[in-house]
Amino acid sequence: MILISEQLLSRICQQAVAAYPEECCGILVGTGDGKKQIQRFCKTANMNKQRLRERYLIDAFEHYNIDKQARADGLSIVGFYHSHPDSPPYPSEFDIKSAWPAYSYIIISVDKHKNTEAKSWILAGRNRCLVAEEIRYLRIS
């Protein structure tokens, strides 16, 4: 399960809509084992310049710097997000092959400049399947 505020998820979705028709991507920072709580997200550049509409790639140096800052703040990287322009929010073969255990992967479907749906996935089992992960909204007091 992943916990995120509606406001944070809305901001991620806005980034996905703004990047359309290209894929956007970024890193989810927060806390938790099993039940992850997203504290913030970090927008990253899509380094896959050859296939911007169907693949994303996060720069290793940018990933390292975000991880370093998260740890300094007592947090950690708990997942990643990216968009699927004009495609449903289900993992592609490339997404599955690129996934790492224990991380959450939020995929945002964008249809003609409108966010349509966001789903979260997590790698499960030795057969490298991404399975749906429940998204719960945090209540902000």
Protein backbone atom coordinates (compact mmCIF):
# COMPACT_ATOMS: atom_id res chain seq x y z
CA MET A 1 0.00 0.00 0.00
CA ILE A 2 1.12 3.52 -0.75
CA LEU A 3 -0.10 6.60 1.12
CA ILE A 4 -0.06 9.96 -0.64
CA SER A 5 -1.97 13.21 -0.25
CA GLU A 6 -4.46 14.09 -2.97
CA GLN A 7 -2.57 17.36 -3.41
CA LEU A 8 0.76 15.62 -4.13
CA LEU A 9 -0.82 13.15 -6.54
CA SER A 10 -2.65 16.01 -8.25
CA ARG A 11 0.65 17.87 -8.73
CA ILE A 12 2.27 14.75 -10.23
CA CYS A 13 -0.71 14.42 -12.59
CA GLN A 14 -0.38 18.09 -13.58
CA GLN A 15 3.25 17.44 -14.50
CA ALA A 16 2.16 14.46 -16.63
CA VAL A 17 -0.44 16.57 -18.46
CA ALA A 18 2.10 19.37 -19.03
CA ALA A 19 4.63 16.91 -20.52
CA TYR A 20 2.09 15.43 -22.96
CA PRO A 21 2.64 14.02 -25.60
CA GLU A 22 5.93 12.94 -24.00
CA GLU A 23 6.42 10.81 -20.90
CA CYS A 24 7.29 12.63 -17.70
CA CYS A 25 9.11 10.94 -14.84
CA GLY A 26 10.25 11.48 -11.29
CA ILE A 27 11.12 10.04 -7.92
CA LEU A 28 8.87 9.46 -4.89
CA VAL A 29 10.45 10.27 -1.51
CA GLY A 30 9.02 9.27 1.86
CA THR A 31 9.05 6.69 4.63
CA GLY A 32 7.94 3.18 5.27
CA ASP A 33 8.31 -0.52 4.94
CA GLY A 34 5.29 -2.22 3.45
CA LYS A 35 3.07 0.81 3.98
CA LYS A 36 4.88 3.61 2.17
CA GLN A 37 4.05 7.24 2.87
CA ILE A 38 5.03 9.75 0.20
CA GLN A 39 6.30 13.02 1.66
CA ARG A 40 7.38 14.65 -1.59
CA PHE A 41 8.17 13.98 -5.21
CA CYS A 42 11.10 15.12 -7.30
CA LYS A 43 10.53 15.85 -10.97
CA THR A 44 13.36 14.54 -13.14
CA ALA A 45 14.28 15.00 -16.76
CA ASN A 46 13.45 12.15 -19.13
CA MET A 47 16.88 11.23 -20.46
CA ASN A 48 15.50 8.84 -23.09
CA LYS A 49 15.57 11.36 -25.93
CA GLN A 50 15.09 8.69 -28.63
CA ARG A 51 11.70 7.43 -27.40
CA LEU A 52 10.18 10.25 -25.32
CA ARG A 53 6.59 9.12 -26.06
CA GLU A 54 7.04 5.57 -24.81
CA ARG A 55 9.99 5.24 -22.46
CA TYR A 56 11.59 7.10 -19.61
CA LEU A 57 15.07 7.11 -18.16
CA ILE A 58 16.20 8.92 -15.01
CA ASP A 59 19.77 10.18 -14.93
CA ALA A 60 21.89 8.19 -12.44
CA PHE A 61 23.56 11.33 -11.07
CA GLU A 62 20.16 13.00 -10.51
CA HIS A 63 18.92 9.79 -8.81
CA TYR A 64 22.01 9.78 -6.58
CA ASN A 65 21.54 13.43 -5.56
CA ILE A 66 17.85 12.94 -4.72
CA ASP A 67 18.71 9.84 -2.67
CA LYS A 68 21.47 11.72 -0.84
CA GLN A 69 19.13 14.62 0.04
CA ALA A 70 16.34 12.25 1.10
CA ARG A 71 18.69 10.43 3.48
CA ALA A 72 19.92 13.74 4.92
CA ASP A 73 16.26 14.54 5.65
CA GLY A 74 15.65 11.15 7.32
CA LEU A 75 13.67 9.88 4.32
CA SER A 76 14.32 7.49 1.44
CA ILE A 77 13.37 6.86 -2.15
CA VAL A 78 10.26 4.67 -2.03
CA GLY A 79 9.37 4.69 -5.70
CA PHE A 80 9.14 6.29 -9.08
CA TYR A 81 6.46 7.70 -11.33
CA HIS A 82 5.99 8.26 -15.04
CA SER A 83 3.23 8.93 -17.50
CA HIS A 84 1.78 6.97 -20.40
CA PRO A 85 0.64 9.38 -23.13
CA ASP A 86 -2.52 8.05 -24.82
CA SER A 87 -2.11 4.68 -23.09
CA PRO A 88 -3.64 3.12 -19.98
CA PRO A 89 -1.77 3.21 -16.65
CA TYR A 90 -0.60 -0.40 -16.91
CA PRO A 91 3.07 -1.41 -17.00
CA SER A 92 4.65 -1.97 -20.38
CA GLU A 93 7.10 -4.80 -21.00
CA PHE A 94 9.88 -2.21 -20.67
CA ASP A 95 8.44 -1.00 -17.32
CA ILE A 96 8.44 -4.57 -15.99
CA LYS A 97 12.01 -5.29 -17.11
CA SER A 98 13.21 -2.00 -15.61
CA ALA A 99 11.50 -2.39 -12.20
CA TRP A 100 13.41 -2.94 -8.97
CA PRO A 101 12.06 -4.88 -5.96
CA ALA A 102 10.51 -2.97 -3.03
CA TYR A 103 9.81 0.24 -4.99
CA SER A 104 6.38 1.56 -5.94
CA TYR A 105 5.75 2.64 -9.52
CA ILE A 106 2.95 5.13 -10.12
CA ILE A 107 1.85 5.32 -13.76
CA ILE A 108 -0.36 8.19 -14.89
CA SER A 109 -2.44 7.78 -18.04
CA VAL A 110 -2.76 11.01 -20.02
CA ASP A 111 -5.29 11.16 -22.83
CA LYS A 112 -5.10 14.20 -25.12
CA HIS A 113 -3.82 16.63 -22.44
CA LYS A 114 -6.12 15.28 -19.70
CA ASN A 115 -5.16 13.08 -16.80
CA THR A 116 -7.44 10.08 -16.87
CA GLU A 117 -6.13 7.68 -14.23
CA ALA A 118 -3.21 6.89 -11.90
CA LYS A 119 -2.30 3.42 -10.64
CA SER A 120 0.53 2.14 -8.50
CA TRP A 121 2.46 -1.07 -9.08
CA ILE A 122 5.04 -3.11 -7.19
CA LEU A 123 7.34 -5.91 -8.35
CA ALA A 124 6.31 -9.28 -6.94
CA GLY A 125 7.72 -12.77 -7.13
CA ARG A 126 10.57 -14.34 -9.01
CA ASN A 127 8.69 -14.13 -12.30
CA ARG A 128 9.10 -10.32 -12.28
CA CYS A 129 5.43 -9.31 -12.39
CA LEU A 130 4.26 -5.85 -11.51
CA VAL A 131 1.10 -6.20 -9.43
CA ALA A 132 -1.37 -3.48 -8.52
CA GLU A 133 -0.71 -1.70 -5.25
CA GLU A 134 -3.44 0.13 -3.38
CA ILE A 135 -3.21 3.94 -3.30
CA ARG A 136 -4.69 5.49 -0.17
CA TYR A 137 -5.04 9.20 0.32
CA LEU A 138 -3.55 10.82 3.40
CA ARG A 139 -5.76 13.12 5.39
CA ILE A 140 -4.06 16.44 5.98
CA SER A 141 -5.04 18.15 9.20
